[in-house]
Amino acid sequence: MLLRRTAPLVLILLLSACAPAPSPSGAGAPSAPSIPSPAPTAVIDVPIVETTPQPVRAALPPVRVQIADKGIDMEVVPVGVEPGGFMELPPNPAIAGWYRFGPDPWSPDGNTVISAHIDAPDYPIGPFAELRDLATDAEVTVIGADGSTAVYGVVSVTYYPKQELPTEAIFAREGTRALVLITCGGDFDSSTGRYADNVVVVAAPRT
């Protein structure tokens, strides 16, 4: 979201008024001609701010994420929220989801969140299984729908128990600007069909 400061316009208002002089009271009082009283003239500088809403910047959806060090080149599609409150993910682990209600890689503020399953029934292990082994400063490239590229360097790779995932920080819309890649990790619980942890990669913009 781009904010543009607009210099206030100055509107000069000239205010003038006049009122008739009061008539003398009492019976038989001669009427006097109405003499206009000098009226004050005020000059007031009123700062006028632009009231026309600024156009909202349209999001540019990312369509691919690439990590050359790990041979990752994945399709990315926009996703939302499942009924249970979890981030929606494509069923195929070879396709990542961009959280479309948050910033895109070209937003001036906030984190871009891209996530994918590590595996799923009837599919091979997904490319994001490699996230756990990313080195600090590894390069991550995101490609937009119009061909634009955003390049990042990995800052951290962290395992979080799922119940301790810092969602507010990860999905921050202001006060930070980063790419966050998420997948599952840790021990697999066959009784629930879920992994114990989330692997979270944070990368800072290079361009």
N, C-alpha and C. Protein backbone atom coordinates (compact mmCIF):
# COMPACT_ATOMS: atom_id res chain seq x y z
N MET A 1 0.86 -1.17 0.00
CA MET A 1 0.00 0.00 0.00
C MET A 1 0.90 1.22 0.00
N LEU A 2 0.73 2.10 -0.95
CA LEU A 2 1.55 3.28 -1.08
C LEU A 2 0.82 4.47 -0.52
N LEU A 3 1.52 5.20 0.35
CA LEU A 3 0.94 6.38 0.92
C LEU A 3 1.60 7.59 0.28
N ARG A 4 0.83 8.57 -0.17
CA ARG A 4 1.39 9.74 -0.80
C ARG A 4 0.99 10.96 -0.01
N ARG A 5 1.97 11.76 0.38
CA ARG A 5 1.69 12.96 1.14
C ARG A 5 1.38 14.09 0.17
N THR A 6 0.24 14.72 0.38
CA THR A 6 -0.20 15.79 -0.50
C THR A 6 -0.18 17.09 0.27
N ALA A 7 0.49 18.11 -0.28
CA ALA A 7 0.54 19.39 0.40
C ALA A 7 -0.84 19.97 0.51
N PRO A 8 -1.20 20.50 1.71
CA PRO A 8 -2.54 21.05 1.86
C PRO A 8 -2.76 22.25 0.96
N LEU A 9 -3.93 22.36 0.44
CA LEU A 9 -4.32 23.54 -0.31
C LEU A 9 -4.81 24.57 0.68
N VAL A 10 -4.68 25.84 0.32
CA VAL A 10 -5.12 26.91 1.22
C VAL A 10 -6.30 27.60 0.58
N LEU A 11 -7.39 27.65 1.32
CA LEU A 11 -8.60 28.33 0.85
C LEU A 11 -8.76 29.61 1.64
N ILE A 12 -8.83 30.73 0.93
CA ILE A 12 -8.99 32.03 1.58
C ILE A 12 -10.47 32.36 1.63
N LEU A 13 -10.99 32.52 2.83
CA LEU A 13 -12.40 32.86 3.02
C LEU A 13 -12.48 34.31 3.49
N LEU A 14 -13.19 35.13 2.74
CA LEU A 14 -13.41 36.52 3.14
C LEU A 14 -14.80 36.62 3.73
N LEU A 15 -14.87 36.91 5.02
CA LEU A 15 -16.14 36.97 5.73
C LEU A 15 -16.47 38.42 6.02
N SER A 16 -17.64 38.86 5.61
CA SER A 16 -18.06 40.23 5.93
C SER A 16 -19.53 40.21 6.29
N ALA A 17 -19.93 41.15 7.16
CA ALA A 17 -21.34 41.24 7.57
C ALA A 17 -21.62 42.66 8.01
N CYS A 18 -22.87 43.09 7.92
CA CYS A 18 -23.24 44.39 8.43
C CYS A 18 -24.62 44.29 9.06
N ALA A 19 -24.90 45.11 10.03
CA ALA A 19 -26.18 45.06 10.72
C ALA A 19 -26.69 46.48 10.90
N PRO A 20 -28.00 46.68 10.84
CA PRO A 20 -28.53 48.03 11.03
C PRO A 20 -28.36 48.46 12.48
N ALA A 21 -28.20 49.81 12.66
CA ALA A 21 -28.10 50.34 14.02
C ALA A 21 -29.45 50.25 14.69
N PRO A 22 -29.50 50.02 16.01
CA PRO A 22 -30.78 49.90 16.70
C PRO A 22 -31.49 51.24 16.77
N SER A 23 -32.82 51.20 16.72
CA SER A 23 -33.60 52.44 16.84
C SER A 23 -33.67 52.84 18.31
N PRO A 24 -33.67 54.18 18.60
CA PRO A 24 -33.81 54.62 19.99
C PRO A 24 -35.15 54.20 20.53
N SER A 25 -35.19 53.89 21.80
CA SER A 25 -36.44 53.49 22.43
C SER A 25 -37.13 54.70 23.03
N GLY A 26 -38.45 54.60 23.31
CA GLY A 26 -39.21 55.68 23.94
C GLY A 26 -40.21 56.25 22.99
N ALA A 27 -41.34 56.69 23.55
CA ALA A 27 -42.41 57.25 22.72
C ALA A 27 -41.97 58.54 22.13
N GLY A 28 -42.39 58.78 20.92
CA GLY A 28 -42.12 60.04 20.25
C GLY A 28 -40.69 60.23 19.84
N ALA A 29 -39.89 59.24 20.02
CA ALA A 29 -38.49 59.38 19.62
C ALA A 29 -38.40 59.46 18.12
N PRO A 30 -37.68 60.50 17.68
CA PRO A 30 -37.54 60.64 16.23
C PRO A 30 -36.78 59.46 15.65
N SER A 31 -37.19 59.10 14.50
CA SER A 31 -36.46 58.00 13.85
C SER A 31 -35.17 58.52 13.26
N ALA A 32 -34.16 57.76 13.39
CA ALA A 32 -32.85 58.15 12.88
C ALA A 32 -32.53 57.28 11.67
N PRO A 33 -31.83 57.87 10.78
CA PRO A 33 -31.44 57.06 9.62
C PRO A 33 -30.57 55.89 10.03
N SER A 34 -30.76 54.81 9.34
CA SER A 34 -29.94 53.61 9.62
C SER A 34 -28.54 53.81 9.06
N ILE A 35 -27.59 53.75 9.97
CA ILE A 35 -26.19 53.93 9.57
C ILE A 35 -25.48 52.60 9.70
N PRO A 36 -24.99 52.06 8.64
CA PRO A 36 -24.30 50.76 8.74
C PRO A 36 -23.06 50.87 9.62
N SER A 37 -22.91 49.90 10.49
CA SER A 37 -21.71 49.84 11.33
C SER A 37 -20.57 49.22 10.54
N PRO A 38 -19.39 49.66 10.84
CA PRO A 38 -18.25 49.02 10.18
C PRO A 38 -18.24 47.53 10.53
N ALA A 39 -18.09 46.73 9.55
CA ALA A 39 -18.10 45.28 9.80
C ALA A 39 -16.68 44.74 9.71
N PRO A 40 -16.35 43.86 10.65
CA PRO A 40 -15.01 43.27 10.57
C PRO A 40 -14.88 42.36 9.36
N THR A 41 -13.76 42.35 8.80
CA THR A 41 -13.46 41.45 7.70
C THR A 41 -12.38 40.50 8.17
N ALA A 42 -12.67 39.22 8.17
CA ALA A 42 -11.71 38.23 8.65
C ALA A 42 -11.12 37.46 7.48
N VAL A 43 -9.86 37.20 7.57
CA VAL A 43 -9.18 36.36 6.58
C VAL A 43 -8.70 35.12 7.33
N ILE A 44 -9.23 33.96 6.96
CA ILE A 44 -8.90 32.73 7.66
C ILE A 44 -8.25 31.75 6.69
N ASP A 45 -7.07 31.29 7.04
CA ASP A 45 -6.40 30.27 6.25
C ASP A 45 -6.88 28.91 6.73
N VAL A 46 -7.57 28.20 5.87
CA VAL A 46 -8.10 26.89 6.22
C VAL A 46 -7.32 25.82 5.47
N PRO A 47 -6.62 24.96 6.18
CA PRO A 47 -5.92 23.88 5.45
C PRO A 47 -6.92 22.85 4.94
N ILE A 48 -6.91 22.64 3.66
CA ILE A 48 -7.82 21.67 3.04
C ILE A 48 -7.01 20.46 2.61
N VAL A 49 -7.37 19.31 3.11
CA VAL A 49 -6.67 18.09 2.71
C VAL A 49 -7.43 17.42 1.59
N GLU A 50 -6.72 16.72 0.78
CA GLU A 50 -7.35 16.02 -0.34
C GLU A 50 -8.24 14.91 0.19
N THR A 51 -9.49 14.92 -0.21
CA THR A 51 -10.43 13.93 0.30
C THR A 51 -10.68 12.78 -0.66
N THR A 52 -10.16 12.90 -1.85
CA THR A 52 -10.34 11.81 -2.82
C THR A 52 -9.50 10.61 -2.38
N PRO A 53 -10.09 9.44 -2.17
CA PRO A 53 -9.31 8.27 -1.73
C PRO A 53 -8.25 7.91 -2.76
N GLN A 54 -7.07 7.57 -2.24
CA GLN A 54 -5.99 7.14 -3.12
C GLN A 54 -6.31 5.74 -3.67
N PRO A 55 -5.96 5.49 -4.91
CA PRO A 55 -6.24 4.16 -5.46
C PRO A 55 -5.50 3.08 -4.69
N VAL A 56 -6.17 1.97 -4.45
CA VAL A 56 -5.56 0.86 -3.74
C VAL A 56 -4.66 0.09 -4.70
N ARG A 57 -3.45 -0.20 -4.25
CA ARG A 57 -2.52 -0.94 -5.08
C ARG A 57 -3.02 -2.37 -5.28
N ALA A 58 -3.08 -2.79 -6.51
CA ALA A 58 -3.52 -4.16 -6.81
C ALA A 58 -2.38 -5.14 -6.52
N ALA A 59 -2.70 -6.23 -5.87
CA ALA A 59 -1.68 -7.24 -5.56
C ALA A 59 -1.20 -7.90 -6.84
N LEU A 60 0.07 -8.26 -6.84
CA LEU A 60 0.66 -8.99 -7.96
C LEU A 60 0.93 -10.41 -7.50
N PRO A 61 0.11 -11.37 -7.89
CA PRO A 61 0.27 -12.73 -7.39
C PRO A 61 1.59 -13.36 -7.83
N PRO A 62 2.30 -14.00 -6.92
CA PRO A 62 3.46 -14.78 -7.33
C PRO A 62 3.00 -16.07 -8.01
N VAL A 63 3.74 -16.50 -9.02
CA VAL A 63 3.35 -17.72 -9.75
C VAL A 63 4.41 -18.82 -9.67
N ARG A 64 5.64 -18.47 -9.26
CA ARG A 64 6.68 -19.50 -9.10
C ARG A 64 7.61 -19.08 -7.97
N VAL A 65 8.15 -20.08 -7.29
CA VAL A 65 9.22 -19.86 -6.32
C VAL A 65 10.37 -20.79 -6.68
N GLN A 66 11.58 -20.23 -6.69
CA GLN A 66 12.76 -20.98 -7.13
C GLN A 66 13.88 -20.85 -6.10
N ILE A 67 14.51 -21.97 -5.80
CA ILE A 67 15.68 -21.99 -4.92
C ILE A 67 16.73 -22.83 -5.63
N ALA A 68 17.66 -22.16 -6.29
CA ALA A 68 18.62 -22.85 -7.15
C ALA A 68 19.48 -23.84 -6.37
N ASP A 69 19.86 -23.49 -5.13
CA ASP A 69 20.74 -24.36 -4.35
C ASP A 69 20.14 -25.74 -4.13
N LYS A 70 18.82 -25.83 -4.14
CA LYS A 70 18.14 -27.10 -3.89
C LYS A 70 17.38 -27.61 -5.11
N GLY A 71 17.54 -26.96 -6.23
CA GLY A 71 16.86 -27.40 -7.44
C GLY A 71 15.35 -27.25 -7.36
N ILE A 72 14.88 -26.30 -6.57
CA ILE A 72 13.44 -26.10 -6.40
C ILE A 72 12.93 -25.10 -7.43
N ASP A 73 11.90 -25.48 -8.14
CA ASP A 73 11.22 -24.59 -9.09
C ASP A 73 9.75 -24.98 -9.07
N MET A 74 8.97 -24.30 -8.23
CA MET A 74 7.60 -24.71 -7.96
C MET A 74 6.58 -23.71 -8.47
N GLU A 75 5.46 -24.23 -8.92
CA GLU A 75 4.32 -23.39 -9.21
C GLU A 75 3.73 -22.87 -7.90
N VAL A 76 3.23 -21.63 -7.94
CA VAL A 76 2.58 -21.02 -6.77
C VAL A 76 1.19 -20.55 -7.19
N VAL A 77 0.19 -20.86 -6.37
CA VAL A 77 -1.17 -20.44 -6.66
C VAL A 77 -1.73 -19.69 -5.44
N PRO A 78 -2.68 -18.76 -5.65
CA PRO A 78 -3.28 -18.06 -4.52
C PRO A 78 -4.17 -19.00 -3.70
N VAL A 79 -4.09 -18.86 -2.36
CA VAL A 79 -4.93 -19.66 -1.47
C VAL A 79 -5.49 -18.77 -0.38
N GLY A 80 -6.51 -19.30 0.32
CA GLY A 80 -7.14 -18.55 1.40
C GLY A 80 -7.08 -19.29 2.71
N VAL A 81 -8.24 -19.39 3.37
CA VAL A 81 -8.33 -20.02 4.69
C VAL A 81 -9.36 -21.13 4.64
N GLU A 82 -9.02 -22.28 5.21
CA GLU A 82 -9.96 -23.39 5.31
C GLU A 82 -11.01 -23.10 6.38
N PRO A 83 -12.15 -23.81 6.35
CA PRO A 83 -13.18 -23.59 7.36
C PRO A 83 -12.68 -23.73 8.80
N GLY A 84 -11.68 -24.59 9.03
CA GLY A 84 -11.16 -24.77 10.38
C GLY A 84 -10.22 -23.67 10.83
N GLY A 85 -9.93 -22.73 9.94
CA GLY A 85 -9.06 -21.62 10.31
C GLY A 85 -7.61 -21.80 9.89
N PHE A 86 -7.29 -22.93 9.26
CA PHE A 86 -5.93 -23.15 8.81
C PHE A 86 -5.73 -22.55 7.41
N MET A 87 -4.49 -22.21 7.12
CA MET A 87 -4.17 -21.74 5.78
C MET A 87 -4.45 -22.85 4.78
N GLU A 88 -5.16 -22.53 3.75
CA GLU A 88 -5.46 -23.50 2.69
C GLU A 88 -4.19 -23.83 1.92
N LEU A 89 -4.04 -25.09 1.54
CA LEU A 89 -2.87 -25.50 0.76
C LEU A 89 -3.29 -26.37 -0.41
N PRO A 90 -2.60 -26.27 -1.54
CA PRO A 90 -2.89 -27.19 -2.65
C PRO A 90 -2.62 -28.63 -2.20
N PRO A 91 -3.45 -29.58 -2.60
CA PRO A 91 -3.23 -30.98 -2.18
C PRO A 91 -1.93 -31.57 -2.72
N ASN A 92 -1.49 -31.10 -3.87
CA ASN A 92 -0.26 -31.61 -4.48
C ASN A 92 0.96 -30.91 -3.84
N PRO A 93 1.86 -31.66 -3.20
CA PRO A 93 3.03 -31.03 -2.57
C PRO A 93 3.97 -30.35 -3.55
N ALA A 94 3.80 -30.61 -4.85
CA ALA A 94 4.65 -29.96 -5.85
C ALA A 94 4.16 -28.55 -6.18
N ILE A 95 3.04 -28.14 -5.60
CA ILE A 95 2.48 -26.81 -5.83
C ILE A 95 2.36 -26.09 -4.50
N ALA A 96 2.87 -24.86 -4.44
CA ALA A 96 2.83 -24.07 -3.21
C ALA A 96 1.66 -23.10 -3.25
N GLY A 97 1.25 -22.65 -2.09
CA GLY A 97 0.17 -21.68 -1.99
C GLY A 97 0.65 -20.36 -1.43
N TRP A 98 0.26 -19.29 -2.07
CA TRP A 98 0.54 -17.93 -1.57
C TRP A 98 -0.69 -17.43 -0.84
N TYR A 99 -0.52 -16.96 0.41
CA TYR A 99 -1.64 -16.46 1.19
C TYR A 99 -2.11 -15.14 0.60
N ARG A 100 -3.23 -15.20 -0.13
CA ARG A 100 -3.68 -14.08 -0.94
C ARG A 100 -4.28 -12.93 -0.13
N PHE A 101 -4.55 -13.14 1.16
CA PHE A 101 -5.08 -12.06 1.99
C PHE A 101 -3.96 -11.25 2.64
N GLY A 102 -2.74 -11.63 2.38
CA GLY A 102 -1.59 -10.91 2.91
C GLY A 102 -0.81 -10.21 1.80
N PRO A 103 0.33 -9.62 2.14
CA PRO A 103 1.14 -8.92 1.15
C PRO A 103 1.69 -9.85 0.07
N ASP A 104 1.94 -9.27 -1.10
CA ASP A 104 2.65 -10.00 -2.14
C ASP A 104 4.12 -9.58 -2.08
N PRO A 105 5.00 -10.22 -2.86
CA PRO A 105 6.43 -9.90 -2.76
C PRO A 105 6.79 -8.46 -3.10
N TRP A 106 5.91 -7.76 -3.79
CA TRP A 106 6.21 -6.39 -4.21
C TRP A 106 5.51 -5.35 -3.34
N SER A 107 4.87 -5.79 -2.28
CA SER A 107 4.27 -4.86 -1.33
C SER A 107 5.39 -4.15 -0.56
N PRO A 108 5.19 -2.87 -0.22
CA PRO A 108 6.24 -2.14 0.50
C PRO A 108 6.34 -2.52 1.96
N ASP A 109 5.39 -3.27 2.49
CA ASP A 109 5.37 -3.59 3.91
C ASP A 109 4.68 -4.93 4.12
N GLY A 110 5.11 -5.66 5.15
CA GLY A 110 4.46 -6.92 5.50
C GLY A 110 5.17 -8.13 4.91
N ASN A 111 4.79 -9.30 5.42
CA ASN A 111 5.42 -10.56 5.01
C ASN A 111 4.60 -11.27 3.94
N THR A 112 5.31 -11.78 2.95
CA THR A 112 4.71 -12.65 1.94
C THR A 112 4.84 -14.08 2.42
N VAL A 113 3.72 -14.79 2.54
CA VAL A 113 3.74 -16.15 3.06
C VAL A 113 3.42 -17.13 1.94
N ILE A 114 4.32 -18.09 1.74
CA ILE A 114 4.14 -19.15 0.75
C ILE A 114 4.37 -20.48 1.47
N SER A 115 3.44 -21.41 1.30
CA SER A 115 3.52 -22.67 2.03
C SER A 115 3.14 -23.84 1.12
N ALA A 116 3.62 -25.02 1.50
CA ALA A 116 3.28 -26.23 0.73
C ALA A 116 3.39 -27.44 1.65
N HIS A 117 2.64 -28.49 1.31
CA HIS A 117 2.78 -29.76 2.03
C HIS A 117 4.16 -30.34 1.77
N ILE A 118 4.64 -31.07 2.76
CA ILE A 118 5.90 -31.79 2.56
C ILE A 118 5.66 -33.10 1.80
N ASP A 119 4.49 -33.69 2.04
CA ASP A 119 4.07 -34.88 1.31
C ASP A 119 2.55 -35.01 1.45
N ALA A 120 1.98 -35.97 0.76
CA ALA A 120 0.54 -36.20 0.81
C ALA A 120 0.26 -37.56 0.20
N PRO A 121 -0.85 -38.22 0.59
CA PRO A 121 -1.19 -39.51 -0.01
C PRO A 121 -1.29 -39.42 -1.54
N ASP A 122 -0.75 -40.43 -2.18
CA ASP A 122 -0.79 -40.54 -3.65
C ASP A 122 0.11 -39.55 -4.36
N TYR A 123 0.99 -38.85 -3.62
CA TYR A 123 1.94 -37.92 -4.24
C TYR A 123 3.34 -38.22 -3.72
N PRO A 124 4.36 -37.93 -4.52
CA PRO A 124 5.73 -38.07 -4.01
C PRO A 124 6.07 -36.95 -3.03
N ILE A 125 7.20 -37.10 -2.36
CA ILE A 125 7.68 -36.06 -1.45
C ILE A 125 7.80 -34.74 -2.21
N GLY A 126 7.36 -33.66 -1.59
CA GLY A 126 7.37 -32.36 -2.26
C GLY A 126 8.70 -31.64 -2.16
N PRO A 127 8.92 -30.66 -3.05
CA PRO A 127 10.18 -29.90 -3.06
C PRO A 127 10.47 -29.17 -1.75
N PHE A 128 9.43 -28.76 -1.01
CA PHE A 128 9.68 -28.02 0.23
C PHE A 128 10.27 -28.90 1.33
N ALA A 129 10.40 -30.20 1.09
CA ALA A 129 11.12 -31.06 2.04
C ALA A 129 12.58 -30.61 2.17
N GLU A 130 13.07 -29.89 1.17
CA GLU A 130 14.45 -29.41 1.19
C GLU A 130 14.63 -28.15 2.04
N LEU A 131 13.55 -27.54 2.47
CA LEU A 131 13.69 -26.27 3.21
C LEU A 131 14.51 -26.44 4.48
N ARG A 132 14.39 -27.59 5.13
CA ARG A 132 15.08 -27.77 6.41
C ARG A 132 16.59 -27.71 6.26
N ASP A 133 17.10 -27.95 5.05
CA ASP A 133 18.55 -27.97 4.83
C ASP A 133 19.07 -26.72 4.14
N LEU A 134 18.24 -25.69 4.05
CA LEU A 134 18.70 -24.47 3.39
C LEU A 134 19.79 -23.78 4.22
N ALA A 135 20.79 -23.30 3.52
CA ALA A 135 21.87 -22.58 4.20
C ALA A 135 21.50 -21.10 4.33
N THR A 136 22.05 -20.48 5.36
CA THR A 136 21.86 -19.04 5.52
C THR A 136 22.42 -18.33 4.30
N ASP A 137 21.69 -17.37 3.81
CA ASP A 137 22.03 -16.56 2.64
C ASP A 137 21.75 -17.26 1.31
N ALA A 138 21.16 -18.45 1.34
CA ALA A 138 20.73 -19.10 0.09
C ALA A 138 19.74 -18.19 -0.62
N GLU A 139 19.82 -18.16 -1.93
CA GLU A 139 18.99 -17.23 -2.71
C GLU A 139 17.65 -17.86 -3.06
N VAL A 140 16.59 -17.07 -2.85
CA VAL A 140 15.23 -17.48 -3.19
C VAL A 140 14.66 -16.46 -4.16
N THR A 141 14.13 -16.91 -5.28
CA THR A 141 13.55 -16.01 -6.29
C THR A 141 12.06 -16.31 -6.42
N VAL A 142 11.28 -15.25 -6.39
CA VAL A 142 9.83 -15.37 -6.60
C VAL A 142 9.50 -14.63 -7.90
N ILE A 143 8.72 -15.26 -8.75
CA ILE A 143 8.33 -14.68 -10.04
C ILE A 143 6.85 -14.33 -9.99
N GLY A 144 6.54 -13.11 -10.44
CA GLY A 144 5.17 -12.64 -10.43
C GLY A 144 4.43 -12.97 -11.72
N ALA A 145 3.12 -12.75 -11.69
CA ALA A 145 2.28 -13.06 -12.85
C ALA A 145 2.66 -12.25 -14.07
N ASP A 146 3.28 -11.08 -13.87
CA ASP A 146 3.68 -10.25 -15.01
C ASP A 146 5.13 -10.45 -15.40
N GLY A 147 5.79 -11.44 -14.80
CA GLY A 147 7.20 -11.70 -15.10
C GLY A 147 8.17 -11.01 -14.17
N SER A 148 7.68 -10.16 -13.27
CA SER A 148 8.57 -9.49 -12.31
C SER A 148 9.22 -10.53 -11.40
N THR A 149 10.42 -10.20 -10.91
CA THR A 149 11.11 -11.08 -9.99
C THR A 149 11.42 -10.35 -8.69
N ALA A 150 11.36 -11.08 -7.60
CA ALA A 150 11.77 -10.57 -6.29
C ALA A 150 12.78 -11.57 -5.74
N VAL A 151 13.94 -11.07 -5.33
CA VAL A 151 15.03 -11.95 -4.90
C VAL A 151 15.27 -11.75 -3.40
N TYR A 152 15.45 -12.87 -2.70
CA TYR A 152 15.62 -12.85 -1.26
C TYR A 152 16.85 -13.67 -0.87
N GLY A 153 17.37 -13.39 0.32
CA GLY A 153 18.42 -14.21 0.92
C GLY A 153 17.92 -14.80 2.23
N VAL A 154 18.14 -16.09 2.42
CA VAL A 154 17.66 -16.77 3.63
C VAL A 154 18.35 -16.20 4.86
N VAL A 155 17.54 -15.87 5.86
CA VAL A 155 18.04 -15.34 7.13
C VAL A 155 18.02 -16.42 8.21
N SER A 156 16.96 -17.23 8.22
CA SER A 156 16.84 -18.25 9.27
C SER A 156 15.99 -19.42 8.81
N VAL A 157 16.27 -20.59 9.39
CA VAL A 157 15.46 -21.79 9.21
C VAL A 157 15.14 -22.30 10.62
N THR A 158 13.85 -22.33 10.98
CA THR A 158 13.45 -22.64 12.35
C THR A 158 12.37 -23.71 12.38
N TYR A 159 12.51 -24.65 13.31
CA TYR A 159 11.47 -25.63 13.59
C TYR A 159 10.61 -25.10 14.74
N TYR A 160 9.31 -25.08 14.54
CA TYR A 160 8.38 -24.69 15.60
C TYR A 160 7.39 -25.83 15.84
N PRO A 161 7.19 -26.25 17.10
CA PRO A 161 6.04 -27.13 17.36
C PRO A 161 4.78 -26.43 16.87
N LYS A 162 3.88 -27.17 16.26
CA LYS A 162 2.72 -26.55 15.62
C LYS A 162 1.92 -25.65 16.56
N GLN A 163 1.81 -26.04 17.82
CA GLN A 163 1.03 -25.24 18.75
C GLN A 163 1.77 -23.97 19.18
N GLU A 164 3.06 -23.86 18.83
CA GLU A 164 3.85 -22.69 19.21
C GLU A 164 4.21 -21.82 18.01
N LEU A 165 3.61 -22.09 16.88
CA LEU A 165 3.92 -21.32 15.67
C LEU A 165 3.54 -19.85 15.89
N PRO A 166 4.47 -18.90 15.72
CA PRO A 166 4.17 -17.48 15.96
C PRO A 166 3.41 -16.86 14.78
N THR A 167 2.14 -17.19 14.69
CA THR A 167 1.36 -16.81 13.50
C THR A 167 1.26 -15.30 13.31
N GLU A 168 1.14 -14.55 14.41
CA GLU A 168 1.01 -13.10 14.26
C GLU A 168 2.25 -12.50 13.63
N ALA A 169 3.43 -12.98 14.03
CA ALA A 169 4.67 -12.48 13.45
C ALA A 169 4.83 -12.94 12.01
N ILE A 170 4.46 -14.19 11.75
CA ILE A 170 4.62 -14.74 10.40
C ILE A 170 3.73 -14.01 9.41
N PHE A 171 2.48 -13.75 9.79
CA PHE A 171 1.53 -13.13 8.87
C PHE A 171 1.43 -11.61 9.06
N ALA A 172 2.47 -11.01 9.60
CA ALA A 172 2.47 -9.56 9.85
C ALA A 172 2.24 -8.80 8.55
N ARG A 173 1.40 -7.76 8.64
CA ARG A 173 1.10 -6.93 7.47
C ARG A 173 1.86 -5.60 7.48
N GLU A 174 2.54 -5.31 8.58
CA GLU A 174 3.32 -4.07 8.66
C GLU A 174 4.46 -4.25 9.64
N GLY A 175 5.41 -3.32 9.57
CA GLY A 175 6.54 -3.36 10.49
C GLY A 175 7.64 -4.32 10.11
N THR A 176 7.48 -5.00 8.99
CA THR A 176 8.48 -5.96 8.53
C THR A 176 8.29 -6.15 7.03
N ARG A 177 9.27 -6.68 6.39
CA ARG A 177 9.14 -7.02 4.96
C ARG A 177 10.04 -8.22 4.70
N ALA A 178 9.41 -9.37 4.51
CA ALA A 178 10.17 -10.60 4.33
C ALA A 178 9.35 -11.60 3.54
N LEU A 179 10.04 -12.63 3.08
CA LEU A 179 9.40 -13.79 2.48
C LEU A 179 9.44 -14.90 3.52
N VAL A 180 8.30 -15.52 3.77
CA VAL A 180 8.23 -16.63 4.74
C VAL A 180 7.75 -17.88 4.01
N LEU A 181 8.58 -18.92 4.04
CA LEU A 181 8.24 -20.20 3.44
C LEU A 181 7.97 -21.20 4.56
N ILE A 182 6.87 -21.95 4.44
CA ILE A 182 6.47 -22.86 5.52
C ILE A 182 6.14 -24.23 4.95
N THR A 183 6.57 -25.26 5.67
CA THR A 183 6.15 -26.62 5.39
C THR A 183 6.15 -27.40 6.70
N CYS A 184 5.83 -28.67 6.65
CA CYS A 184 5.81 -29.48 7.85
C CYS A 184 7.18 -30.10 8.10
N GLY A 185 7.39 -30.56 9.33
CA GLY A 185 8.65 -31.20 9.69
C GLY A 185 8.54 -31.88 11.03
N GLY A 186 9.66 -32.42 11.50
CA GLY A 186 9.66 -33.12 12.78
C GLY A 186 9.08 -34.51 12.66
N ASP A 187 8.66 -35.05 13.78
CA ASP A 187 8.14 -36.42 13.81
C ASP A 187 6.75 -36.49 13.20
N PHE A 188 6.50 -37.61 12.55
CA PHE A 188 5.18 -37.85 11.95
C PHE A 188 4.35 -38.72 12.89
N ASP A 189 3.14 -38.27 13.20
CA ASP A 189 2.22 -39.02 14.05
C ASP A 189 1.22 -39.75 13.15
N SER A 190 1.39 -41.07 13.04
CA SER A 190 0.52 -41.84 12.13
C SER A 190 -0.92 -41.88 12.61
N SER A 191 -1.14 -41.66 13.90
CA SER A 191 -2.52 -41.70 14.42
C SER A 191 -3.31 -40.47 14.00
N THR A 192 -2.63 -39.36 13.81
CA THR A 192 -3.31 -38.13 13.39
C THR A 192 -3.04 -37.78 11.94
N GLY A 193 -2.01 -38.40 11.37
CA GLY A 193 -1.64 -38.08 10.00
C GLY A 193 -0.97 -36.72 9.88
N ARG A 194 -0.37 -36.24 10.98
CA ARG A 194 0.25 -34.91 10.97
C ARG A 194 1.68 -34.98 11.50
N TYR A 195 2.47 -34.02 11.05
CA TYR A 195 3.81 -33.84 11.58
C TYR A 195 3.74 -32.97 12.84
N ALA A 196 4.73 -33.13 13.70
CA ALA A 196 4.72 -32.41 14.98
C ALA A 196 5.09 -30.94 14.82
N ASP A 197 5.90 -30.64 13.82
CA ASP A 197 6.45 -29.29 13.71
C ASP A 197 6.12 -28.63 12.38
N ASN A 198 6.42 -27.33 12.34
CA ASN A 198 6.48 -26.58 11.09
C ASN A 198 7.90 -26.09 10.87
N VAL A 199 8.37 -26.20 9.65
CA VAL A 199 9.66 -25.63 9.27
C VAL A 199 9.38 -24.27 8.66
N VAL A 200 9.99 -23.24 9.22
CA VAL A 200 9.72 -21.86 8.77
C VAL A 200 11.03 -21.23 8.31
N VAL A 201 11.05 -20.84 7.04
CA VAL A 201 12.20 -20.15 6.47
C VAL A 201 11.85 -18.67 6.33
N VAL A 202 12.69 -17.82 6.85
CA VAL A 202 12.53 -16.37 6.70
C VAL A 202 13.66 -15.87 5.81
N ALA A 203 13.29 -15.12 4.78
CA ALA A 203 14.28 -14.58 3.84
C ALA A 203 14.04 -13.09 3.67
N ALA A 204 15.14 -12.34 3.61
CA ALA A 204 15.07 -10.88 3.47
C ALA A 204 15.24 -10.46 2.02
N PRO A 205 14.57 -9.38 1.60
CA PRO A 205 14.70 -8.97 0.20
C PRO A 205 16.10 -8.49 -0.14
N ARG A 206 16.53 -8.83 -1.33
CA ARG A 206 17.83 -8.37 -1.84
C ARG A 206 17.65 -7.25 -2.87
N THR A 207 16.47 -7.17 -3.47
CA THR A 207 16.24 -6.12 -4.47
C THR A 207 14.96 -5.40 -4.17
